[in-house]
Amino acid sequence: MSWDAVAELLASMAAQQEEKVLALARGLVPHLTREDLRNPHDFAALVESGDFNYEDGILAGLRAAETAVRAARPRPPNG
């Protein structure tokens, strides 16, 4: 599998998980925006939800994997 294919797969998985987290969060806090998800601790309903925190943790892991793949990808030699 190529580096590009791995990066695309992780990006797709993260995007799907982000939608799942947003839908779950909006079930708890209906007016929530995508920007609000960057600070979920501002919303008591999110802080107290085990389901939200679990799914948000999966999203954080996927984003960490994306970063790790970018960092590990071989760079072309400097000419």
N, C-alpha and C. Protein backbone atom coordinates (compact mmCIF):
# COMPACT_ATOMS: atom_id res chain seq x y z
N MET A 1 0.86 -1.17 0.00
CA MET A 1 0.00 0.00 0.00
C MET A 1 0.90 1.24 0.00
N SER A 2 0.55 2.22 -0.78
CA SER A 2 1.37 3.43 -0.89
C SER A 2 1.09 4.38 0.27
N TRP A 3 2.03 5.31 0.48
CA TRP A 3 1.86 6.33 1.51
C TRP A 3 0.60 7.15 1.23
N ASP A 4 0.37 7.48 -0.04
CA ASP A 4 -0.82 8.25 -0.40
C ASP A 4 -2.09 7.49 -0.06
N ALA A 5 -2.11 6.19 -0.32
CA ALA A 5 -3.29 5.39 -0.03
C ALA A 5 -3.56 5.33 1.47
N VAL A 6 -2.50 5.20 2.26
CA VAL A 6 -2.66 5.18 3.71
C VAL A 6 -3.20 6.53 4.20
N ALA A 7 -2.64 7.61 3.69
CA ALA A 7 -3.09 8.95 4.08
C ALA A 7 -4.56 9.16 3.71
N GLU A 8 -4.94 8.72 2.51
CA GLU A 8 -6.33 8.86 2.07
C GLU A 8 -7.27 8.03 2.94
N LEU A 9 -6.87 6.82 3.27
CA LEU A 9 -7.70 5.96 4.11
C LEU A 9 -7.91 6.58 5.48
N LEU A 10 -6.84 7.06 6.09
CA LEU A 10 -6.96 7.69 7.41
C LEU A 10 -7.81 8.96 7.35
N ALA A 11 -7.64 9.75 6.30
CA ALA A 11 -8.44 10.97 6.16
C ALA A 11 -9.92 10.63 6.02
N SER A 12 -10.22 9.59 5.26
CA SER A 12 -11.61 9.16 5.09
C SER A 12 -12.19 8.66 6.41
N MET A 13 -11.42 7.88 7.13
CA MET A 13 -11.88 7.37 8.43
C MET A 13 -12.11 8.51 9.42
N ALA A 14 -11.22 9.47 9.44
CA ALA A 14 -11.35 10.62 10.35
C ALA A 14 -12.56 11.46 9.98
N ALA A 15 -12.80 11.68 8.71
CA ALA A 15 -13.96 12.46 8.28
C ALA A 15 -15.26 11.77 8.68
N GLN A 16 -15.31 10.46 8.49
CA GLN A 16 -16.49 9.70 8.88
C GLN A 16 -16.70 9.76 10.39
N GLN A 17 -15.63 9.63 11.15
CA GLN A 17 -15.73 9.68 12.60
C GLN A 17 -16.13 11.07 13.07
N GLU A 18 -15.63 12.11 12.41
CA GLU A 18 -16.00 13.47 12.78
C GLU A 18 -17.50 13.69 12.61
N GLU A 19 -18.07 13.15 11.53
CA GLU A 19 -19.51 13.26 11.32
C GLU A 19 -20.28 12.53 12.43
N LYS A 20 -19.78 11.37 12.81
CA LYS A 20 -20.40 10.59 13.87
C LYS A 20 -20.36 11.36 15.20
N VAL A 21 -19.22 11.94 15.51
CA VAL A 21 -19.06 12.71 16.75
C VAL A 21 -19.97 13.94 16.72
N LEU A 22 -20.04 14.63 15.61
CA LEU A 22 -20.89 15.81 15.50
C LEU A 22 -22.36 15.43 15.69
N ALA A 23 -22.79 14.36 15.06
CA ALA A 23 -24.18 13.93 15.21
C ALA A 23 -24.49 13.55 16.65
N LEU A 24 -23.59 12.84 17.29
CA LEU A 24 -23.78 12.46 18.68
C LEU A 24 -23.83 13.70 19.57
N ALA A 25 -22.91 14.63 19.33
CA ALA A 25 -22.86 15.86 20.12
C ALA A 25 -24.13 16.68 19.93
N ARG A 26 -24.62 16.76 18.71
CA ARG A 26 -25.85 17.54 18.45
C ARG A 26 -27.08 16.88 19.06
N GLY A 27 -27.00 15.58 19.30
CA GLY A 27 -28.08 14.92 20.02
C GLY A 27 -28.13 15.36 21.47
N LEU A 28 -26.99 15.77 21.99
CA LEU A 28 -26.90 16.24 23.37
C LEU A 28 -27.04 17.76 23.49
N VAL A 29 -26.48 18.47 22.50
CA VAL A 29 -26.51 19.94 22.49
C VAL A 29 -26.90 20.34 21.06
N PRO A 30 -28.20 20.51 20.80
CA PRO A 30 -28.69 20.70 19.43
C PRO A 30 -28.06 21.84 18.63
N HIS A 31 -27.71 22.93 19.24
CA HIS A 31 -27.18 24.09 18.50
C HIS A 31 -25.67 24.03 18.28
N LEU A 32 -25.04 22.94 18.62
CA LEU A 32 -23.59 22.80 18.55
C LEU A 32 -23.06 22.98 17.12
N THR A 33 -21.94 23.66 16.99
CA THR A 33 -21.29 23.83 15.68
C THR A 33 -20.03 22.96 15.62
N ARG A 34 -19.48 22.83 14.43
CA ARG A 34 -18.20 22.10 14.29
C ARG A 34 -17.10 22.78 15.10
N GLU A 35 -17.13 24.09 15.12
CA GLU A 35 -16.13 24.83 15.90
C GLU A 35 -16.27 24.52 17.39
N ASP A 36 -17.48 24.36 17.86
CA ASP A 36 -17.71 24.03 19.27
C ASP A 36 -17.06 22.70 19.66
N LEU A 37 -16.94 21.79 18.71
CA LEU A 37 -16.33 20.49 19.00
C LEU A 37 -14.86 20.62 19.38
N ARG A 38 -14.24 21.73 19.04
CA ARG A 38 -12.84 21.93 19.41
C ARG A 38 -12.69 22.21 20.90
N ASN A 39 -13.79 22.60 21.55
CA ASN A 39 -13.80 22.89 22.99
C ASN A 39 -14.99 22.21 23.65
N PRO A 40 -15.05 20.89 23.60
CA PRO A 40 -16.23 20.21 24.14
C PRO A 40 -16.40 20.40 25.65
N HIS A 41 -15.31 20.75 26.33
CA HIS A 41 -15.40 20.97 27.78
C HIS A 41 -16.25 22.19 28.13
N ASP A 42 -16.60 23.00 27.15
CA ASP A 42 -17.48 24.15 27.38
C ASP A 42 -18.94 23.75 27.53
N PHE A 43 -19.25 22.48 27.29
CA PHE A 43 -20.62 21.99 27.32
C PHE A 43 -20.73 20.83 28.30
N ALA A 44 -21.42 21.07 29.39
CA ALA A 44 -21.53 20.05 30.44
C ALA A 44 -22.09 18.74 29.92
N ALA A 45 -23.06 18.82 29.02
CA ALA A 45 -23.67 17.59 28.49
C ALA A 45 -22.64 16.71 27.77
N LEU A 46 -21.67 17.34 27.11
CA LEU A 46 -20.62 16.57 26.41
C LEU A 46 -19.62 16.00 27.41
N VAL A 47 -19.25 16.81 28.37
CA VAL A 47 -18.28 16.36 29.39
C VAL A 47 -18.82 15.14 30.12
N GLU A 48 -20.12 15.14 30.39
CA GLU A 48 -20.73 14.08 31.18
C GLU A 48 -21.11 12.85 30.37
N SER A 49 -21.01 12.91 29.06
CA SER A 49 -21.42 11.79 28.20
C SER A 49 -20.27 10.83 27.93
N GLY A 50 -20.38 9.64 28.45
CA GLY A 50 -19.39 8.61 28.17
C GLY A 50 -19.34 8.25 26.69
N ASP A 51 -20.49 8.19 26.05
CA ASP A 51 -20.54 7.86 24.62
C ASP A 51 -19.81 8.92 23.79
N PHE A 52 -20.08 10.19 24.09
CA PHE A 52 -19.41 11.26 23.36
C PHE A 52 -17.91 11.19 23.56
N ASN A 53 -17.48 11.04 24.80
CA ASN A 53 -16.04 11.02 25.09
C ASN A 53 -15.35 9.83 24.44
N TYR A 54 -16.02 8.70 24.37
CA TYR A 54 -15.46 7.53 23.70
C TYR A 54 -15.26 7.80 22.21
N GLU A 55 -16.31 8.27 21.55
CA GLU A 55 -16.24 8.53 20.11
C GLU A 55 -15.26 9.65 19.79
N ASP A 56 -15.22 10.68 20.63
CA ASP A 56 -14.27 11.77 20.45
C ASP A 56 -12.83 11.26 20.61
N GLY A 57 -12.64 10.31 21.51
CA GLY A 57 -11.32 9.70 21.69
C GLY A 57 -10.88 8.92 20.46
N ILE A 58 -11.82 8.23 19.84
CA ILE A 58 -11.49 7.53 18.58
C ILE A 58 -11.07 8.54 17.52
N LEU A 59 -11.78 9.64 17.43
CA LEU A 59 -11.42 10.68 16.46
C LEU A 59 -10.02 11.23 16.75
N ALA A 60 -9.72 11.46 18.01
CA ALA A 60 -8.39 11.96 18.38
C ALA A 60 -7.31 10.94 17.98
N GLY A 61 -7.59 9.68 18.15
CA GLY A 61 -6.64 8.65 17.75
C GLY A 61 -6.41 8.61 16.25
N LEU A 62 -7.47 8.77 15.48
CA LEU A 62 -7.34 8.80 14.02
C LEU A 62 -6.52 10.01 13.58
N ARG A 63 -6.76 11.14 14.21
CA ARG A 63 -5.99 12.34 13.86
C ARG A 63 -4.51 12.16 14.23
N ALA A 64 -4.26 11.51 15.35
CA ALA A 64 -2.88 11.24 15.75
C ALA A 64 -2.21 10.30 14.74
N ALA A 65 -2.95 9.31 14.26
CA ALA A 65 -2.41 8.39 13.26
C ALA A 65 -2.10 9.13 11.96
N GLU A 66 -2.97 10.05 11.56
CA GLU A 66 -2.70 10.86 10.37
C GLU A 66 -1.40 11.65 10.52
N THR A 67 -1.20 12.23 11.68
CA THR A 67 0.01 13.01 11.94
C THR A 67 1.23 12.11 11.93
N ALA A 68 1.11 10.93 12.52
CA ALA A 68 2.23 10.00 12.56
C ALA A 68 2.63 9.53 11.16
N VAL A 69 1.65 9.28 10.32
CA VAL A 69 1.93 8.85 8.95
C VAL A 69 2.62 9.97 8.17
N ARG A 70 2.15 11.20 8.36
CA ARG A 70 2.81 12.32 7.67
C ARG A 70 4.26 12.47 8.14
N ALA A 71 4.48 12.29 9.43
CA ALA A 71 5.84 12.44 9.97
C ALA A 71 6.76 11.31 9.53
N ALA A 72 6.21 10.12 9.36
CA ALA A 72 7.03 8.96 9.00
C ALA A 72 7.27 8.84 7.50
N ARG A 73 6.51 9.54 6.72
CA ARG A 73 6.62 9.44 5.27
C ARG A 73 8.01 9.88 4.82
N PRO A 74 8.65 9.09 3.99
CA PRO A 74 9.99 9.47 3.51
C PRO A 74 9.93 10.76 2.69
N ARG A 75 10.92 11.59 2.91
CA ARG A 75 11.03 12.85 2.19
C ARG A 75 12.04 12.69 1.05
N PRO A 76 11.79 13.38 -0.05
CA PRO A 76 12.78 13.32 -1.14
C PRO A 76 14.07 13.99 -0.68
N PRO A 77 15.20 13.49 -1.15
CA PRO A 77 16.47 14.09 -0.76
C PRO A 77 16.57 15.53 -1.28
N ASN A 78 17.22 16.38 -0.51
CA ASN A 78 17.42 17.77 -0.94
C ASN A 78 18.47 17.80 -2.03
N GLY A 79 18.16 18.51 -3.09
CA GLY A 79 19.04 18.54 -4.25
C GLY A 79 20.01 19.60 -4.14
